[in-house]
Amino acid sequence: MRRPRRHVEELTAVISDDNTNIRGVDIRRDENAEAIVEFVVEAEDLRHLNRMVLGIRRVAGVRAVQRTQKI
């Protein structure tokens, strides 16, 4: 992701369009100057989370989506 600001706007739109609460976001660059964007979201259930992940993967420029569990 070379233009994180534009992508963050698209990503937040995908997440919020699914009526998901965003609890946090962290943006940084890796050693290749690629943006790494981490969202902390509240998903209702696994189906909701999977739908959100599919939407995020469809955003142009997204190279990977990883899911972690934090309680």
PDB file of N, CA and C in Angstrom:
ATOM      1  N   MET A   1       0.833  -1.166   0.000  1.00  0.00           N
ATOM      2  CA  MET A   1       0.000   0.000   0.000  1.00  0.00           C
ATOM      3  C   MET A   1       0.884   1.237   0.000  1.00  0.00           C
ATOM      4  N   ARG A   2       0.952   1.931  -1.095  1.00  0.00           N
ATOM      5  CA  ARG A   2       1.839   3.088  -1.206  1.00  0.00           C
ATOM      6  C   ARG A   2       1.184   4.396  -0.764  1.00  0.00           C
ATOM      7  N   ARG A   3      -0.110   4.521  -0.869  1.00  0.00           N
ATOM      8  CA  ARG A   3      -0.803   5.748  -0.469  1.00  0.00           C
ATOM      9  C   ARG A   3      -1.759   5.425   0.675  1.00  0.00           C
ATOM     10  N   PRO A   4      -1.242   5.349   1.871  1.00  0.00           N
ATOM     11  CA  PRO A   4      -2.074   4.865   2.972  1.00  0.00           C
ATOM     12  C   PRO A   4      -3.280   5.740   3.279  1.00  0.00           C
ATOM     13  N   ARG A   5      -3.178   7.038   3.096  1.00  0.00           N
ATOM     14  CA  ARG A   5      -4.308   7.897   3.460  1.00  0.00           C
ATOM     15  C   ARG A   5      -5.546   7.576   2.628  1.00  0.00           C
ATOM     16  N   ARG A   6      -5.353   7.470   1.315  1.00  0.00           N
ATOM     17  CA  ARG A   6      -6.477   7.152   0.432  1.00  0.00           C
ATOM     18  C   ARG A   6      -7.018   5.767   0.753  1.00  0.00           C
ATOM     19  N   HIS A   7      -6.110   4.837   0.985  1.00  0.00           N
ATOM     20  CA  HIS A   7      -6.533   3.477   1.288  1.00  0.00           C
ATOM     21  C   HIS A   7      -7.224   3.387   2.640  1.00  0.00           C
ATOM     22  N   VAL A   8      -6.751   4.112   3.614  1.00  0.00           N
ATOM     23  CA  VAL A   8      -7.387   4.091   4.926  1.00  0.00           C
ATOM     24  C   VAL A   8      -8.823   4.592   4.805  1.00  0.00           C
ATOM     25  N   GLU A   9      -9.046   5.607   3.999  1.00  0.00           N
ATOM     26  CA  GLU A   9     -10.411   6.097   3.779  1.00  0.00           C
ATOM     27  C   GLU A   9     -11.286   5.010   3.162  1.00  0.00           C
ATOM     28  N   GLU A  10     -10.756   4.302   2.175  1.00  0.00           N
ATOM     29  CA  GLU A  10     -11.511   3.215   1.547  1.00  0.00           C
ATOM     30  C   GLU A  10     -11.754   2.073   2.531  1.00  0.00           C
ATOM     31  N   LEU A  11     -10.739   1.737   3.294  1.00  0.00           N
ATOM     32  CA  LEU A  11     -10.871   0.644   4.258  1.00  0.00           C
ATOM     33  C   LEU A  11     -11.889   0.980   5.344  1.00  0.00           C
ATOM     34  N   THR A  12     -11.838   2.192   5.870  1.00  0.00           N
ATOM     35  CA  THR A  12     -12.802   2.568   6.904  1.00  0.00           C
ATOM     36  C   THR A  12     -14.214   2.598   6.338  1.00  0.00           C
ATOM     37  N   ALA A  13     -14.360   2.981   5.067  1.00  0.00           N
ATOM     38  CA  ALA A  13     -15.684   2.961   4.441  1.00  0.00           C
ATOM     39  C   ALA A  13     -16.205   1.533   4.346  1.00  0.00           C
ATOM     40  N   VAL A  14     -15.360   0.603   3.933  1.00  0.00           N
ATOM     41  CA  VAL A  14     -15.772  -0.811   3.839  1.00  0.00           C
ATOM     42  C   VAL A  14     -16.201  -1.317   5.213  1.00  0.00           C
ATOM     43  N   ILE A  15     -15.419  -1.017   6.213  1.00  0.00           N
ATOM     44  CA  ILE A  15     -15.707  -1.503   7.566  1.00  0.00           C
ATOM     45  C   ILE A  15     -16.973  -0.853   8.114  1.00  0.00           C
ATOM     46  N   SER A  16     -17.096   0.452   7.999  1.00  0.00           N
ATOM     47  CA  SER A  16     -18.254   1.135   8.566  1.00  0.00           C
ATOM     48  C   SER A  16     -19.530   0.874   7.779  1.00  0.00           C
ATOM     49  N   ASP A  17     -19.429   0.613   6.470  1.00  0.00           N
ATOM     50  CA  ASP A  17     -20.614   0.284   5.678  1.00  0.00           C
ATOM     51  C   ASP A  17     -21.257  -1.016   6.139  1.00  0.00           C
ATOM     52  N   ASP A  18     -20.494  -1.841   6.826  1.00  0.00           N
ATOM     53  CA  ASP A  18     -21.003  -3.103   7.347  1.00  0.00           C
ATOM     54  C   ASP A  18     -21.475  -2.937   8.796  1.00  0.00           C
ATOM     55  N   ASN A  19     -21.681  -1.691   9.214  1.00  0.00           N
ATOM     56  CA  ASN A  19     -22.143  -1.376  10.572  1.00  0.00           C
ATOM     57  C   ASN A  19     -21.239  -1.970  11.644  1.00  0.00           C
ATOM     58  N   THR A  20     -19.940  -1.783  11.446  1.00  0.00           N
ATOM     59  CA  THR A  20     -18.941  -2.298  12.376  1.00  0.00           C
ATOM     60  C   THR A  20     -18.304  -1.143  13.127  1.00  0.00           C
ATOM     61  N   ASN A  21     -18.122  -1.315  14.418  1.00  0.00           N
ATOM     62  CA  ASN A  21     -17.425  -0.308  15.212  1.00  0.00           C
ATOM     63  C   ASN A  21     -15.925  -0.491  15.067  1.00  0.00           C
ATOM     64  N   ILE A  22     -15.239   0.594  14.755  1.00  0.00           N
ATOM     65  CA  ILE A  22     -13.779   0.598  14.704  1.00  0.00           C
ATOM     66  C   ILE A  22     -13.298   1.102  16.061  1.00  0.00           C
ATOM     67  N   ARG A  23     -12.584   0.249  16.786  1.00  0.00           N
ATOM     68  CA  ARG A  23     -12.118   0.623  18.127  1.00  0.00           C
ATOM     69  C   ARG A  23     -10.719   1.205  18.111  1.00  0.00           C
ATOM     70  N   GLY A  24      -9.975   0.983  17.030  1.00  0.00           N
ATOM     71  CA  GLY A  24      -8.633   1.526  16.940  1.00  0.00           C
ATOM     72  C   GLY A  24      -8.043   1.300  15.569  1.00  0.00           C
ATOM     73  N   VAL A  25      -7.051   2.116  15.235  1.00  0.00           N
ATOM     74  CA  VAL A  25      -6.333   1.954  13.973  1.00  0.00           C
ATOM     75  C   VAL A  25      -4.880   2.358  14.202  1.00  0.00           C
ATOM     76  N   ASP A  26      -3.972   1.611  13.588  1.00  0.00           N
ATOM     77  CA  ASP A  26      -2.545   1.900  13.686  1.00  0.00           C
ATOM     78  C   ASP A  26      -1.962   1.813  12.279  1.00  0.00           C
ATOM     79  N   ILE A  27      -1.217   2.846  11.881  1.00  0.00           N
ATOM     80  CA  ILE A  27      -0.617   2.886  10.547  1.00  0.00           C
ATOM     81  C   ILE A  27       0.882   3.072  10.698  1.00  0.00           C
ATOM     82  N   ARG A  28       1.627   2.232  10.002  1.00  0.00           N
ATOM     83  CA  ARG A  28       3.090   2.363  10.017  1.00  0.00           C
ATOM     84  C   ARG A  28       3.630   1.858   8.682  1.00  0.00           C
ATOM     85  N   ARG A  29       4.913   2.031   8.467  1.00  0.00           N
ATOM     86  CA  ARG A  29       5.551   1.555   7.233  1.00  0.00           C
ATOM     87  C   ARG A  29       6.537   0.444   7.565  1.00  0.00           C
ATOM     88  N   ASP A  30       6.663  -0.505   6.638  1.00  0.00           N
ATOM     89  CA  ASP A  30       7.644  -1.568   6.832  1.00  0.00           C
ATOM     90  C   ASP A  30       8.970  -1.153   6.207  1.00  0.00           C
ATOM     91  N   GLU A  31       9.928  -2.075   6.164  1.00  0.00           N
ATOM     92  CA  GLU A  31      11.265  -1.764   5.646  1.00  0.00           C
ATOM     93  C   GLU A  31      11.264  -1.429   4.152  1.00  0.00           C
ATOM     94  N   ASN A  32      10.200  -1.778   3.435  1.00  0.00           N
ATOM     95  CA  ASN A  32      10.090  -1.460   2.001  1.00  0.00           C
ATOM     96  C   ASN A  32       9.214  -0.231   1.737  1.00  0.00           C
ATOM     97  N   ALA A  33       8.911   0.507   2.778  1.00  0.00           N
ATOM     98  CA  ALA A  33       8.078   1.708   2.717  1.00  0.00           C
ATOM     99  C   ALA A  33       6.623   1.393   2.358  1.00  0.00           C
ATOM    100  N   GLU A  34       6.218   0.135   2.530  1.00  0.00           N
ATOM    101  CA  GLU A  34       4.821  -0.247   2.331  1.00  0.00           C
ATOM    102  C   GLU A  34       4.063   0.047   3.622  1.00  0.00           C
ATOM    103  N   ALA A  35       2.841   0.512   3.483  1.00  0.00           N
ATOM    104  CA  ALA A  35       2.022   0.819   4.659  1.00  0.00           C
ATOM    105  C   ALA A  35       1.452  -0.462   5.253  1.00  0.00           C
ATOM    106  N   ILE A  36       1.461  -0.519   6.557  1.00  0.00           N
ATOM    107  CA  ILE A  36       0.797  -1.580   7.299  1.00  0.00           C
ATOM    108  C   ILE A  36      -0.288  -0.885   8.118  1.00  0.00           C
ATOM    109  N   VAL A  37      -1.521  -1.270   7.878  1.00  0.00           N
ATOM    110  CA  VAL A  37      -2.656  -0.655   8.566  1.00  0.00           C
ATOM    111  C   VAL A  37      -3.337  -1.738   9.393  1.00  0.00           C
ATOM    112  N   GLU A  38      -3.447  -1.499  10.686  1.00  0.00           N
ATOM    113  CA  GLU A  38      -4.093  -2.446  11.582  1.00  0.00           C
ATOM    114  C   GLU A  38      -5.344  -1.803  12.166  1.00  0.00           C
ATOM    115  N   PHE A  39      -6.459  -2.505  12.043  1.00  0.00           N
ATOM    116  CA  PHE A  39      -7.716  -2.055  12.624  1.00  0.00           C
ATOM    117  C   PHE A  39      -8.098  -2.974  13.761  1.00  0.00           C
ATOM    118  N   VAL A  40      -8.660  -2.410  14.804  1.00  0.00           N
ATOM    119  CA  VAL A  40      -9.298  -3.173  15.866  1.00  0.00           C
ATOM    120  C   VAL A  40     -10.785  -2.899  15.708  1.00  0.00           C
ATOM    121  N   VAL A  41     -11.547  -3.955  15.460  1.00  0.00           N
ATOM    122  CA  VAL A  41     -12.976  -3.806  15.190  1.00  0.00           C
ATOM    123  C   VAL A  41     -13.780  -4.729  16.096  1.00  0.00           C
ATOM    124  N   GLU A  42     -15.062  -4.423  16.213  1.00  0.00           N
ATOM    125  CA  GLU A  42     -15.993  -5.281  16.936  1.00  0.00           C
ATOM    126  C   GLU A  42     -16.858  -5.999  15.916  1.00  0.00           C
ATOM    127  N   ALA A  43     -16.721  -7.306  15.834  1.00  0.00           N
ATOM    128  CA  ALA A  43     -17.548  -8.096  14.924  1.00  0.00           C
ATOM    129  C   ALA A  43     -18.618  -8.812  15.740  1.00  0.00           C
ATOM    130  N   GLU A  44     -19.819  -8.872  15.169  1.00  0.00           N
ATOM    131  CA  GLU A  44     -20.932  -9.531  15.857  1.00  0.00           C
ATOM    132  C   GLU A  44     -20.709 -11.033  15.987  1.00  0.00           C
ATOM    133  N   ASP A  45     -20.192 -11.633  14.918  1.00  0.00           N
ATOM    134  CA  ASP A  45     -19.947 -13.064  14.897  1.00  0.00           C
ATOM    135  C   ASP A  45     -18.973 -13.371  13.766  1.00  0.00           C
ATOM    136  N   LEU A  46     -18.661 -14.649  13.585  1.00  0.00           N
ATOM    137  CA  LEU A  46     -17.690 -15.046  12.573  1.00  0.00           C
ATOM    138  C   LEU A  46     -18.161 -14.698  11.159  1.00  0.00           C
ATOM    139  N   ARG A  47     -19.429 -14.839  10.900  1.00  0.00           N
ATOM    140  CA  ARG A  47     -19.969 -14.495   9.584  1.00  0.00           C
ATOM    141  C   ARG A  47     -19.756 -13.019   9.268  1.00  0.00           C
ATOM    142  N   HIS A  48     -20.032 -12.179  10.243  1.00  0.00           N
ATOM    143  CA  HIS A  48     -19.824 -10.738  10.105  1.00  0.00           C
ATOM    144  C   HIS A  48     -18.349 -10.436   9.837  1.00  0.00           C
ATOM    145  N   LEU A  49     -17.475 -11.065  10.593  1.00  0.00           N
ATOM    146  CA  LEU A  49     -16.044 -10.849  10.421  1.00  0.00           C
ATOM    147  C   LEU A  49     -15.586 -11.303   9.035  1.00  0.00           C
ATOM    148  N   ASN A  50     -16.030 -12.461   8.584  1.00  0.00           N
ATOM    149  CA  ASN A  50     -15.648 -12.959   7.261  1.00  0.00           C
ATOM    150  C   ASN A  50     -16.126 -12.042   6.148  1.00  0.00           C
ATOM    151  N   ARG A  51     -17.327 -11.502   6.283  1.00  0.00           N
ATOM    152  CA  ARG A  51     -17.852 -10.556   5.294  1.00  0.00           C
ATOM    153  C   ARG A  51     -16.984  -9.296   5.235  1.00  0.00           C
ATOM    154  N   MET A  52     -16.569  -8.832   6.392  1.00  0.00           N
ATOM    155  CA  MET A  52     -15.706  -7.656   6.468  1.00  0.00           C
ATOM    156  C   MET A  52     -14.346  -7.922   5.827  1.00  0.00           C
ATOM    157  N   VAL A  53     -13.759  -9.079   6.113  1.00  0.00           N
ATOM    158  CA  VAL A  53     -12.458  -9.444   5.546  1.00  0.00           C
ATOM    159  C   VAL A  53     -12.546  -9.513   4.021  1.00  0.00           C
ATOM    160  N   LEU A  54     -13.612 -10.103   3.500  1.00  0.00           N
ATOM    161  CA  LEU A  54     -13.787 -10.169   2.044  1.00  0.00           C
ATOM    162  C   LEU A  54     -13.871  -8.775   1.433  1.00  0.00           C
ATOM    163  N   GLY A  55     -14.584  -7.876   2.091  1.00  0.00           N
ATOM    164  CA  GLY A  55     -14.685  -6.504   1.602  1.00  0.00           C
ATOM    165  C   GLY A  55     -13.346  -5.796   1.603  1.00  0.00           C
ATOM    166  N   ILE A  56     -12.558  -6.005   2.641  1.00  0.00           N
ATOM    167  CA  ILE A  56     -11.238  -5.377   2.732  1.00  0.00           C
ATOM    168  C   ILE A  56     -10.317  -5.925   1.647  1.00  0.00           C
ATOM    169  N   ARG A  57     -10.386  -7.217   1.389  1.00  0.00           N
ATOM    170  CA  ARG A  57      -9.540  -7.814   0.353  1.00  0.00           C
ATOM    171  C   ARG A  57      -9.838  -7.264  -1.037  1.00  0.00           C
ATOM    172  N   ARG A  58     -11.044  -6.769  -1.249  1.00  0.00           N
ATOM    173  CA  ARG A  58     -11.433  -6.229  -2.552  1.00  0.00           C
ATOM    174  C   ARG A  58     -10.908  -4.816  -2.806  1.00  0.00           C
ATOM    175  N   VAL A  59     -10.408  -4.153  -1.776  1.00  0.00           N
ATOM    176  CA  VAL A  59      -9.886  -2.789  -1.932  1.00  0.00           C
ATOM    177  C   VAL A  59      -8.577  -2.852  -2.713  1.00  0.00           C
ATOM    178  N   ALA A  60      -8.504  -2.067  -3.783  1.00  0.00           N
ATOM    179  CA  ALA A  60      -7.293  -2.032  -4.614  1.00  0.00           C
ATOM    180  C   ALA A  60      -6.091  -1.651  -3.758  1.00  0.00           C
ATOM    181  N   GLY A  61      -5.005  -2.369  -3.938  1.00  0.00           N
ATOM    182  CA  GLY A  61      -3.773  -2.072  -3.210  1.00  0.00           C
ATOM    183  C   GLY A  61      -3.584  -2.898  -1.957  1.00  0.00           C
ATOM    184  N   VAL A  62      -4.633  -3.563  -1.494  1.00  0.00           N
ATOM    185  CA  VAL A  62      -4.504  -4.416  -0.309  1.00  0.00           C
ATOM    186  C   VAL A  62      -3.785  -5.691  -0.724  1.00  0.00           C
ATOM    187  N   ARG A  63      -2.683  -5.962  -0.071  1.00  0.00           N
ATOM    188  CA  ARG A  63      -1.881  -7.131  -0.412  1.00  0.00           C
ATOM    189  C   ARG A  63      -2.220  -8.340   0.457  1.00  0.00           C
ATOM    190  N   ALA A  64      -2.624  -8.095   1.685  1.00  0.00           N
ATOM    191  CA  ALA A  64      -2.929  -9.196   2.599  1.00  0.00           C
ATOM    192  C   ALA A  64      -3.862  -8.711   3.691  1.00  0.00           C
ATOM    193  N   VAL A  65      -4.661  -9.628   4.184  1.00  0.00           N
ATOM    194  CA  VAL A  65      -5.531  -9.371   5.341  1.00  0.00           C
ATOM    195  C   VAL A  65      -5.272 -10.498   6.312  1.00  0.00           C
ATOM    196  N   GLN A  66      -4.948 -10.132   7.537  1.00  0.00           N
ATOM    197  CA  GLN A  66      -4.708 -11.131   8.566  1.00  0.00           C
ATOM    198  C   GLN A  66      -5.639 -10.866   9.712  1.00  0.00           C
ATOM    199  N   ARG A  67      -6.105 -11.931  10.300  1.00  0.00           N
ATOM    200  CA  ARG A  67      -7.023 -11.828  11.428  1.00  0.00           C
ATOM    201  C   ARG A  67      -6.308 -12.288  12.679  1.00  0.00           C
ATOM    202  N   THR A  68      -6.419 -11.495  13.721  1.00  0.00           N
ATOM    203  CA  THR A  68      -5.922 -11.897  15.039  1.00  0.00           C
ATOM    204  C   THR A  68      -7.042 -11.711  16.027  1.00  0.00           C
ATOM    205  N   GLN A  69      -6.974 -12.404  17.102  1.00  0.00           N
ATOM    206  CA  GLN A  69      -8.014 -12.309  18.120  1.00  0.00           C
ATOM    207  C   GLN A  69      -7.459 -11.617  19.333  1.00  0.00           C
ATOM    208  N   LYS A  70      -8.123 -10.549  19.708  1.00  0.00           N
ATOM    209  CA  LYS A  70      -7.759  -9.829  20.922  1.00  0.00           C
ATOM    210  C   LYS A  70      -9.016  -9.633  21.736  1.00  0.00           C
ATOM    211  N   ILE A  71      -8.921  -9.953  22.993  1.00  0.00           N
ATOM    212  CA  ILE A  71     -10.097  -9.791  23.869  1.00  0.00           C
ATOM    213  C   ILE A  71      -9.771  -8.790  24.931  1.00  0.00           C
TER     214      ILE A  71
END
